[in-house]
Amino acid sequence: MAEGPLTVEACTENRFQEAARIQQSFIAKVEKRALRWLAERTPERMNSDHLTIIGAIGMFLAGGSYALARYSPCGLLFCCVFLAVNWLGDSLDGTLARYRNHLRPRYGFYVDHVIDCFGVTALLAGMGASGYMQPRFAAWLLVAYLLLSSEIFLATYALARFEMAYFNFGPTELRILLCVGNLFVFFRPSTHPFGLRLGVFDLGGVIGAVGMVTIAVTSFVRHARLLYDAERLK
């Protein structure tokens, strides 16, 4: 157990094992090639910190665009643009760091995922304020996201294995799905799927929340059994 105050020297001296990144989403191979192409052409004066900031701004503006959609449906289109900005910054920052061999695994992992939690909170707050999604469903979806995130981060620490996608769906696929939903609602705002009283985003929020909680629970059981067997008491 570490003793004394938390300092730069203490962080430097502490042994750190970087987690293996597991990315098995539908478009992972295409996305990786595209990010590599972008990294090779990124101006030298721009570094991964700049891209992280761009990604965070994109996510907060996407949330603001959803809030704007309450007054103008154009907010749904703006949201798609800012989700693309978020993808660029959030996905390219790590690729650029690896391409330039400017790796800061602890700093990058910590900062990126804390910003992601704040950004998704802003995004779902905007969805809840948009008039296209009931606030309670946005809140349930946020709780489910944070629950799954907690399981992922703790599993990353305990297993040194960072899973970035489930059932071939990762962050990029979810952004695409959101944009498809935005365009659908933009053209057909009053649609109620399957004759339900729920709107498109309400139904999507329920499905998303149930799915994330299910993944969190099943992952917990699987990881707990694995760790129990690895550290079984004699």
C-alpha atoms as a PDB file:
ATOM      1  CA  MET A   1       0.000   0.000   0.000  1.00  0.00           C
ATOM      2  CA  ALA A   2       1.340   3.415  -0.947  1.00  0.00           C
ATOM      3  CA  GLU A   3       2.209   5.706   1.945  1.00  0.00           C
ATOM      4  CA  GLY A   4       2.619   9.451   2.244  1.00  0.00           C
ATOM      5  CA  PRO A   5       1.149  12.247   0.116  1.00  0.00           C
ATOM      6  CA  LEU A   6       0.280  11.798  -3.537  1.00  0.00           C
ATOM      7  CA  THR A   7       3.061  13.401  -5.574  1.00  0.00           C
ATOM      8  CA  VAL A   8       4.451  13.261  -9.091  1.00  0.00           C
ATOM      9  CA  GLU A   9       7.380  11.247  -7.773  1.00  0.00           C
ATOM     10  CA  ALA A  10       5.046   8.743  -6.124  1.00  0.00           C
ATOM     11  CA  CYS A  11       3.080   8.329  -9.368  1.00  0.00           C
ATOM     12  CA  THR A  12       6.308   7.825 -11.296  1.00  0.00           C
ATOM     13  CA  GLU A  13       7.667   5.256  -8.878  1.00  0.00           C
ATOM     14  CA  ASN A  14       4.466   3.201  -8.655  1.00  0.00           C
ATOM     15  CA  ARG A  15       4.463   0.185 -10.940  1.00  0.00           C
ATOM     16  CA  PHE A  16       1.827   0.425 -13.649  1.00  0.00           C
ATOM     17  CA  GLN A  17       0.609  -2.279 -15.981  1.00  0.00           C
ATOM     18  CA  GLU A  18      -1.166  -0.980 -19.061  1.00  0.00           C
ATOM     19  CA  ALA A  19      -4.358  -2.864 -19.889  1.00  0.00           C
ATOM     20  CA  ALA A  20      -4.754  -4.700 -23.170  1.00  0.00           C
ATOM     21  CA  ARG A  21      -7.262  -2.895 -25.398  1.00  0.00           C
ATOM     22  CA  ILE A  22      -9.956  -5.213 -26.808  1.00  0.00           C
ATOM     23  CA  GLN A  23     -11.811  -3.631 -29.724  1.00  0.00           C
ATOM     24  CA  GLN A  24     -14.035  -5.988 -31.702  1.00  0.00           C
ATOM     25  CA  SER A  25     -16.758  -3.767 -33.087  1.00  0.00           C
ATOM     26  CA  PHE A  26     -18.412  -3.897 -36.508  1.00  0.00           C
ATOM     27  CA  ILE A  27     -16.286  -1.164 -38.073  1.00  0.00           C
ATOM     28  CA  ALA A  28     -13.158  -1.459 -35.919  1.00  0.00           C
ATOM     29  CA  LYS A  29     -10.844  -2.385 -38.826  1.00  0.00           C
ATOM     30  CA  VAL A  30     -12.084   0.390 -41.106  1.00  0.00           C
ATOM     31  CA  GLU A  31     -12.024   2.894 -38.259  1.00  0.00           C
ATOM     32  CA  LYS A  32      -8.473   1.944 -37.305  1.00  0.00           C
ATOM     33  CA  ARG A  33      -7.246   2.497 -40.863  1.00  0.00           C
ATOM     34  CA  ALA A  34      -9.052   5.849 -41.067  1.00  0.00           C
ATOM     35  CA  LEU A  35      -7.604   7.017 -37.755  1.00  0.00           C
ATOM     36  CA  ARG A  36      -4.113   5.975 -38.796  1.00  0.00           C
ATOM     37  CA  TRP A  37      -4.532   7.945 -42.036  1.00  0.00           C
ATOM     38  CA  LEU A  38      -5.665  11.001 -40.066  1.00  0.00           C
ATOM     39  CA  ALA A  39      -2.843  10.664 -37.534  1.00  0.00           C
ATOM     40  CA  GLU A  40      -0.256  10.658 -40.325  1.00  0.00           C
ATOM     41  CA  ARG A  41      -1.683  13.957 -41.618  1.00  0.00           C
ATOM     42  CA  THR A  42      -2.295  15.751 -38.323  1.00  0.00           C
ATOM     43  CA  PRO A  43      -0.238  18.971 -38.098  1.00  0.00           C
ATOM     44  CA  GLU A  44       2.754  18.772 -35.758  1.00  0.00           C
ATOM     45  CA  ARG A  45       1.512  21.708 -33.712  1.00  0.00           C
ATOM     46  CA  MET A  46      -1.567  19.701 -32.710  1.00  0.00           C
ATOM     47  CA  ASN A  47      -1.167  17.043 -30.043  1.00  0.00           C
ATOM     48  CA  SER A  48      -3.399  14.503 -28.344  1.00  0.00           C
ATOM     49  CA  ASP A  49      -4.415  16.952 -25.603  1.00  0.00           C
ATOM     50  CA  HIS A  50      -5.836  19.300 -28.217  1.00  0.00           C
ATOM     51  CA  LEU A  51      -7.840  16.433 -29.688  1.00  0.00           C
ATOM     52  CA  THR A  52      -9.138  15.397 -26.265  1.00  0.00           C
ATOM     53  CA  ILE A  53     -10.399  18.956 -25.739  1.00  0.00           C
ATOM     54  CA  ILE A  54     -12.000  18.978 -29.204  1.00  0.00           C
ATOM     55  CA  GLY A  55     -13.751  15.691 -28.424  1.00  0.00           C
ATOM     56  CA  ALA A  56     -15.063  17.009 -25.104  1.00  0.00           C
ATOM     57  CA  ILE A  57     -16.332  20.225 -26.697  1.00  0.00           C
ATOM     58  CA  GLY A  58     -18.052  18.169 -29.394  1.00  0.00           C
ATOM     59  CA  MET A  59     -19.906  16.057 -26.819  1.00  0.00           C
ATOM     60  CA  PHE A  60     -21.028  19.051 -24.744  1.00  0.00           C
ATOM     61  CA  LEU A  61     -22.208  20.852 -27.880  1.00  0.00           C
ATOM     62  CA  ALA A  62     -24.076  17.700 -28.939  1.00  0.00           C
ATOM     63  CA  GLY A  63     -25.912  17.825 -25.606  1.00  0.00           C
ATOM     64  CA  GLY A  64     -26.633  21.514 -26.140  1.00  0.00           C
ATOM     65  CA  SER A  65     -27.939  20.724 -29.618  1.00  0.00           C
ATOM     66  CA  TYR A  66     -30.418  18.238 -28.161  1.00  0.00           C
ATOM     67  CA  ALA A  67     -31.619  20.927 -25.763  1.00  0.00           C
ATOM     68  CA  LEU A  68     -31.953  23.308 -28.728  1.00  0.00           C
ATOM     69  CA  ALA A  69     -34.097  20.706 -30.510  1.00  0.00           C
ATOM     70  CA  ARG A  70     -36.896  21.550 -28.064  1.00  0.00           C
ATOM     71  CA  TYR A  71     -37.253  24.844 -29.912  1.00  0.00           C
ATOM     72  CA  SER A  72     -36.018  23.911 -33.386  1.00  0.00           C
ATOM     73  CA  PRO A  73     -35.650  20.468 -34.989  1.00  0.00           C
ATOM     74  CA  CYS A  74     -32.425  21.729 -36.565  1.00  0.00           C
ATOM     75  CA  GLY A  75     -30.842  20.952 -33.210  1.00  0.00           C
ATOM     76  CA  LEU A  76     -31.050  17.270 -34.165  1.00  0.00           C
ATOM     77  CA  LEU A  77     -28.932  17.949 -37.249  1.00  0.00           C
ATOM     78  CA  PHE A  78     -26.432  20.055 -35.307  1.00  0.00           C
ATOM     79  CA  CYS A  79     -26.123  17.149 -32.875  1.00  0.00           C
ATOM     80  CA  CYS A  80     -24.985  14.827 -35.674  1.00  0.00           C
ATOM     81  CA  VAL A  81     -22.278  17.321 -36.643  1.00  0.00           C
ATOM     82  CA  PHE A  82     -21.021  17.622 -33.071  1.00  0.00           C
ATOM     83  CA  LEU A  83     -21.095  13.855 -32.537  1.00  0.00           C
ATOM     84  CA  ALA A  84     -18.768  13.632 -35.541  1.00  0.00           C
ATOM     85  CA  VAL A  85     -16.514  16.251 -33.906  1.00  0.00           C
ATOM     86  CA  ASN A  86     -16.584  14.210 -30.710  1.00  0.00           C
ATOM     87  CA  TRP A  87     -15.633  11.057 -32.627  1.00  0.00           C
ATOM     88  CA  LEU A  88     -12.709  12.844 -34.260  1.00  0.00           C
ATOM     89  CA  GLY A  89     -11.252  14.149 -31.015  1.00  0.00           C
ATOM     90  CA  ASP A  90     -12.100  11.214 -28.776  1.00  0.00           C
ATOM     91  CA  SER A  91     -10.895   8.531 -31.189  1.00  0.00           C
ATOM     92  CA  LEU A  92      -7.901  10.245 -32.763  1.00  0.00           C
ATOM     93  CA  ASP A  93      -6.183  11.433 -29.567  1.00  0.00           C
ATOM     94  CA  GLY A  94      -4.987   7.968 -28.553  1.00  0.00           C
ATOM     95  CA  THR A  95      -4.115   6.988 -32.123  1.00  0.00           C
ATOM     96  CA  LEU A  96      -2.023  10.124 -32.530  1.00  0.00           C
ATOM     97  CA  ALA A  97      -0.205   9.472 -29.241  1.00  0.00           C
ATOM     98  CA  ARG A  98       0.632   5.923 -30.328  1.00  0.00           C
ATOM     99  CA  TYR A  99       1.662   7.040 -33.830  1.00  0.00           C
ATOM    100  CA  ARG A 100       4.074   9.646 -32.425  1.00  0.00           C
ATOM    101  CA  ASN A 101       5.151   7.397 -29.540  1.00  0.00           C
ATOM    102  CA  HIS A 102       3.999  10.024 -27.047  1.00  0.00           C
ATOM    103  CA  LEU A 103       2.312   7.510 -24.763  1.00  0.00           C
ATOM    104  CA  ARG A 104       0.943   8.497 -21.344  1.00  0.00           C
ATOM    105  CA  PRO A 105      -1.186   5.453 -20.506  1.00  0.00           C
ATOM    106  CA  ARG A 106      -2.264   6.446 -16.981  1.00  0.00           C
ATOM    107  CA  TYR A 107      -2.938  10.083 -17.806  1.00  0.00           C
ATOM    108  CA  GLY A 108      -4.706   9.253 -21.065  1.00  0.00           C
ATOM    109  CA  PHE A 109      -6.910   6.531 -19.594  1.00  0.00           C
ATOM    110  CA  TYR A 110      -7.892   8.608 -16.578  1.00  0.00           C
ATOM    111  CA  VAL A 111      -8.545  11.907 -18.353  1.00  0.00           C
ATOM    112  CA  ASP A 112     -10.332  10.397 -21.352  1.00  0.00           C
ATOM    113  CA  HIS A 113     -12.793   8.395 -19.304  1.00  0.00           C
ATOM    114  CA  VAL A 114     -13.568  11.050 -16.718  1.00  0.00           C
ATOM    115  CA  ILE A 115     -14.286  13.440 -19.588  1.00  0.00           C
ATOM    116  CA  ASP A 116     -16.431  10.756 -21.247  1.00  0.00           C
ATOM    117  CA  CYS A 117     -18.544  10.433 -18.089  1.00  0.00           C
ATOM    118  CA  PHE A 118     -19.089  14.194 -17.913  1.00  0.00           C
ATOM    119  CA  GLY A 119     -19.748  14.338 -21.650  1.00  0.00           C
ATOM    120  CA  VAL A 120     -22.337  11.549 -21.660  1.00  0.00           C
ATOM    121  CA  THR A 121     -24.022  13.185 -18.668  1.00  0.00           C
ATOM    122  CA  ALA A 122     -24.289  16.427 -20.666  1.00  0.00           C
ATOM    123  CA  LEU A 123     -25.516  14.529 -23.741  1.00  0.00           C
ATOM    124  CA  LEU A 124     -28.287  12.731 -21.866  1.00  0.00           C
ATOM    125  CA  ALA A 125     -29.250  15.885 -19.987  1.00  0.00           C
ATOM    126  CA  GLY A 126     -29.718  17.506 -23.388  1.00  0.00           C
ATOM    127  CA  MET A 127     -31.778  14.564 -24.608  1.00  0.00           C
ATOM    128  CA  GLY A 128     -33.973  14.814 -21.533  1.00  0.00           C
ATOM    129  CA  ALA A 129     -34.500  18.513 -22.225  1.00  0.00           C
ATOM    130  CA  SER A 130     -35.125  18.045 -25.954  1.00  0.00           C
ATOM    131  CA  GLY A 131     -38.806  17.166 -25.747  1.00  0.00           C
ATOM    132  CA  TYR A 132     -38.093  14.031 -27.787  1.00  0.00           C
ATOM    133  CA  MET A 133     -37.150  11.910 -24.765  1.00  0.00           C
ATOM    134  CA  GLN A 134     -38.783  11.843 -21.349  1.00  0.00           C
ATOM    135  CA  PRO A 135     -36.324  13.015 -18.643  1.00  0.00           C
ATOM    136  CA  ARG A 136     -36.868   9.866 -16.569  1.00  0.00           C
ATOM    137  CA  PHE A 137     -35.724   7.661 -19.453  1.00  0.00           C
ATOM    138  CA  ALA A 138     -32.673   9.850 -19.961  1.00  0.00           C
ATOM    139  CA  ALA A 139     -31.901   9.494 -16.234  1.00  0.00           C
ATOM    140  CA  TRP A 140     -32.326   5.704 -16.337  1.00  0.00           C
ATOM    141  CA  LEU A 141     -30.034   5.520 -19.358  1.00  0.00           C
ATOM    142  CA  LEU A 142     -27.405   7.629 -17.589  1.00  0.00           C
ATOM    143  CA  VAL A 143     -27.521   5.415 -14.484  1.00  0.00           C
ATOM    144  CA  ALA A 144     -27.134   2.324 -16.675  1.00  0.00           C
ATOM    145  CA  TYR A 145     -24.203   3.904 -18.538  1.00  0.00           C
ATOM    146  CA  LEU A 146     -22.412   4.842 -15.316  1.00  0.00           C
ATOM    147  CA  LEU A 147     -23.061   1.374 -13.871  1.00  0.00           C
ATOM    148  CA  LEU A 148     -21.567  -0.314 -16.924  1.00  0.00           C
ATOM    149  CA  SER A 149     -18.675   2.157 -16.943  1.00  0.00           C
ATOM    150  CA  SER A 150     -17.919   1.321 -13.317  1.00  0.00           C
ATOM    151  CA  GLU A 151     -17.781  -2.393 -14.122  1.00  0.00           C
ATOM    152  CA  ILE A 152     -15.532  -1.776 -17.128  1.00  0.00           C
ATOM    153  CA  PHE A 153     -13.104   0.448 -15.224  1.00  0.00           C
ATOM    154  CA  LEU A 154     -12.869  -1.919 -12.249  1.00  0.00           C
ATOM    155  CA  ALA A 155     -12.387  -4.905 -14.562  1.00  0.00           C
ATOM    156  CA  THR A 156      -9.658  -2.969 -16.375  1.00  0.00           C
ATOM    157  CA  TYR A 157      -7.838  -2.469 -13.075  1.00  0.00           C
ATOM    158  CA  ALA A 158      -8.331  -6.028 -11.825  1.00  0.00           C
ATOM    159  CA  LEU A 159      -7.773  -7.908 -15.093  1.00  0.00           C
ATOM    160  CA  ALA A 160      -5.549  -5.522 -17.082  1.00  0.00           C
ATOM    161  CA  ARG A 161      -8.039  -5.941 -19.924  1.00  0.00           C
ATOM    162  CA  PHE A 162     -10.009  -2.997 -21.315  1.00  0.00           C
ATOM    163  CA  GLU A 163     -13.022  -4.110 -23.346  1.00  0.00           C
ATOM    164  CA  MET A 164     -14.165  -1.337 -25.688  1.00  0.00           C
ATOM    165  CA  ALA A 165     -17.108  -3.082 -27.368  1.00  0.00           C
ATOM    166  CA  TYR A 166     -19.858  -5.555 -26.534  1.00  0.00           C
ATOM    167  CA  PHE A 167     -21.793  -7.600 -29.093  1.00  0.00           C
ATOM    168  CA  ASN A 168     -19.731  -5.805 -31.762  1.00  0.00           C
ATOM    169  CA  PHE A 169     -21.061  -2.434 -30.633  1.00  0.00           C
ATOM    170  CA  GLY A 170     -18.599   0.190 -29.462  1.00  0.00           C
ATOM    171  CA  PRO A 171     -18.700   3.977 -29.001  1.00  0.00           C
ATOM    172  CA  THR A 172     -18.485   4.687 -32.727  1.00  0.00           C
ATOM    173  CA  GLU A 173     -21.413   2.409 -33.565  1.00  0.00           C
ATOM    174  CA  LEU A 174     -23.453   4.080 -30.826  1.00  0.00           C
ATOM    175  CA  ARG A 175     -22.705   7.523 -32.263  1.00  0.00           C
ATOM    176  CA  ILE A 176     -23.839   6.316 -35.689  1.00  0.00           C
ATOM    177  CA  LEU A 177     -26.999   4.867 -34.154  1.00  0.00           C
ATOM    178  CA  LEU A 178     -27.730   8.179 -32.437  1.00  0.00           C
ATOM    179  CA  CYS A 179     -27.295  10.059 -35.718  1.00  0.00           C
ATOM    180  CA  VAL A 180     -29.637   7.643 -37.508  1.00  0.00           C
ATOM    181  CA  GLY A 181     -32.176   8.209 -34.734  1.00  0.00           C
ATOM    182  CA  ASN A 182     -31.750  11.973 -35.033  1.00  0.00           C
ATOM    183  CA  LEU A 183     -32.411  11.899 -38.761  1.00  0.00           C
ATOM    184  CA  PHE A 184     -35.413   9.603 -38.340  1.00  0.00           C
ATOM    185  CA  VAL A 185     -36.959  11.848 -35.676  1.00  0.00           C
ATOM    186  CA  PHE A 186     -36.158  14.959 -37.713  1.00  0.00           C
ATOM    187  CA  PHE A 187     -38.304  13.699 -40.591  1.00  0.00           C
ATOM    188  CA  ARG A 188     -40.893  11.790 -38.513  1.00  0.00           C
ATOM    189  CA  PRO A 189     -41.040  13.492 -35.103  1.00  0.00           C
ATOM    190  CA  SER A 190     -44.375  12.056 -33.989  1.00  0.00           C
ATOM    191  CA  THR A 191     -43.592   8.378 -34.638  1.00  0.00           C
ATOM    192  CA  HIS A 192     -44.528   5.906 -31.888  1.00  0.00           C
ATOM    193  CA  PRO A 193     -42.950   2.489 -32.637  1.00  0.00           C
ATOM    194  CA  PHE A 194     -45.151  -0.603 -32.404  1.00  0.00           C
ATOM    195  CA  GLY A 195     -48.130   1.527 -31.418  1.00  0.00           C
ATOM    196  CA  LEU A 196     -46.616   2.314 -28.012  1.00  0.00           C
ATOM    197  CA  ARG A 197     -47.034   5.641 -26.281  1.00  0.00           C
ATOM    198  CA  LEU A 198     -43.245   5.942 -26.202  1.00  0.00           C
ATOM    199  CA  GLY A 199     -41.350   8.013 -28.725  1.00  0.00           C
ATOM    200  CA  VAL A 200     -38.369   6.731 -30.705  1.00  0.00           C
ATOM    201  CA  PHE A 201     -35.806   8.030 -28.215  1.00  0.00           C
ATOM    202  CA  ASP A 202     -37.859   6.804 -25.240  1.00  0.00           C
ATOM    203  CA  LEU A 203     -37.944   3.266 -26.631  1.00  0.00           C
ATOM    204  CA  GLY A 204     -34.275   3.450 -27.552  1.00  0.00           C
ATOM    205  CA  GLY A 205     -33.459   4.651 -24.037  1.00  0.00           C
ATOM    206  CA  VAL A 206     -35.338   1.757 -22.427  1.00  0.00           C
ATOM    207  CA  ILE A 207     -33.649  -0.799 -24.696  1.00  0.00           C
ATOM    208  CA  GLY A 208     -30.252   0.819 -24.147  1.00  0.00           C
ATOM    209  CA  ALA A 209     -30.642   0.935 -20.359  1.00  0.00           C
ATOM    210  CA  VAL A 210     -31.790  -2.688 -20.137  1.00  0.00           C
ATOM    211  CA  GLY A 211     -28.972  -3.760 -22.438  1.00  0.00           C
ATOM    212  CA  MET A 212     -26.256  -1.955 -20.500  1.00  0.00           C
ATOM    213  CA  VAL A 213     -27.471  -3.213 -17.125  1.00  0.00           C
ATOM    214  CA  THR A 214     -27.618  -6.758 -18.511  1.00  0.00           C
ATOM    215  CA  ILE A 215     -24.067  -6.465 -19.851  1.00  0.00           C
ATOM    216  CA  ALA A 216     -22.862  -5.022 -16.534  1.00  0.00           C
ATOM    217  CA  VAL A 217     -24.406  -7.840 -14.515  1.00  0.00           C
ATOM    218  CA  THR A 218     -23.237 -10.662 -16.794  1.00  0.00           C
ATOM    219  CA  SER A 219     -19.745  -9.152 -17.026  1.00  0.00           C
ATOM    220  CA  PHE A 220     -19.589  -8.874 -13.244  1.00  0.00           C
ATOM    221  CA  VAL A 221     -20.539 -12.538 -12.806  1.00  0.00           C
ATOM    222  CA  ARG A 222     -18.034 -13.660 -15.434  1.00  0.00           C
ATOM    223  CA  HIS A 223     -15.197 -11.532 -14.095  1.00  0.00           C
ATOM    224  CA  ALA A 224     -15.920 -12.353 -10.440  1.00  0.00           C
ATOM    225  CA  ARG A 225     -15.810 -16.098 -11.186  1.00  0.00           C
ATOM    226  CA  LEU A 226     -12.563 -15.669 -13.105  1.00  0.00           C
ATOM    227  CA  LEU A 227     -10.938 -13.703 -10.267  1.00  0.00           C
ATOM    228  CA  TYR A 228     -12.280 -16.133  -7.650  1.00  0.00           C
ATOM    229  CA  ASP A 229     -10.675 -19.042  -9.473  1.00  0.00           C
ATOM    230  CA  ALA A 230      -7.440 -17.089  -9.922  1.00  0.00           C
ATOM    231  CA  GLU A 231      -7.246 -16.270  -6.217  1.00  0.00           C
ATOM    232  CA  ARG A 232      -8.999 -19.282  -4.732  1.00  0.00           C
ATOM    233  CA  LEU A 233      -8.349 -19.793  -1.020  1.00  0.00           C
ATOM    234  CA  LYS A 234      -6.656 -23.072  -0.187  1.00  0.00           C
END
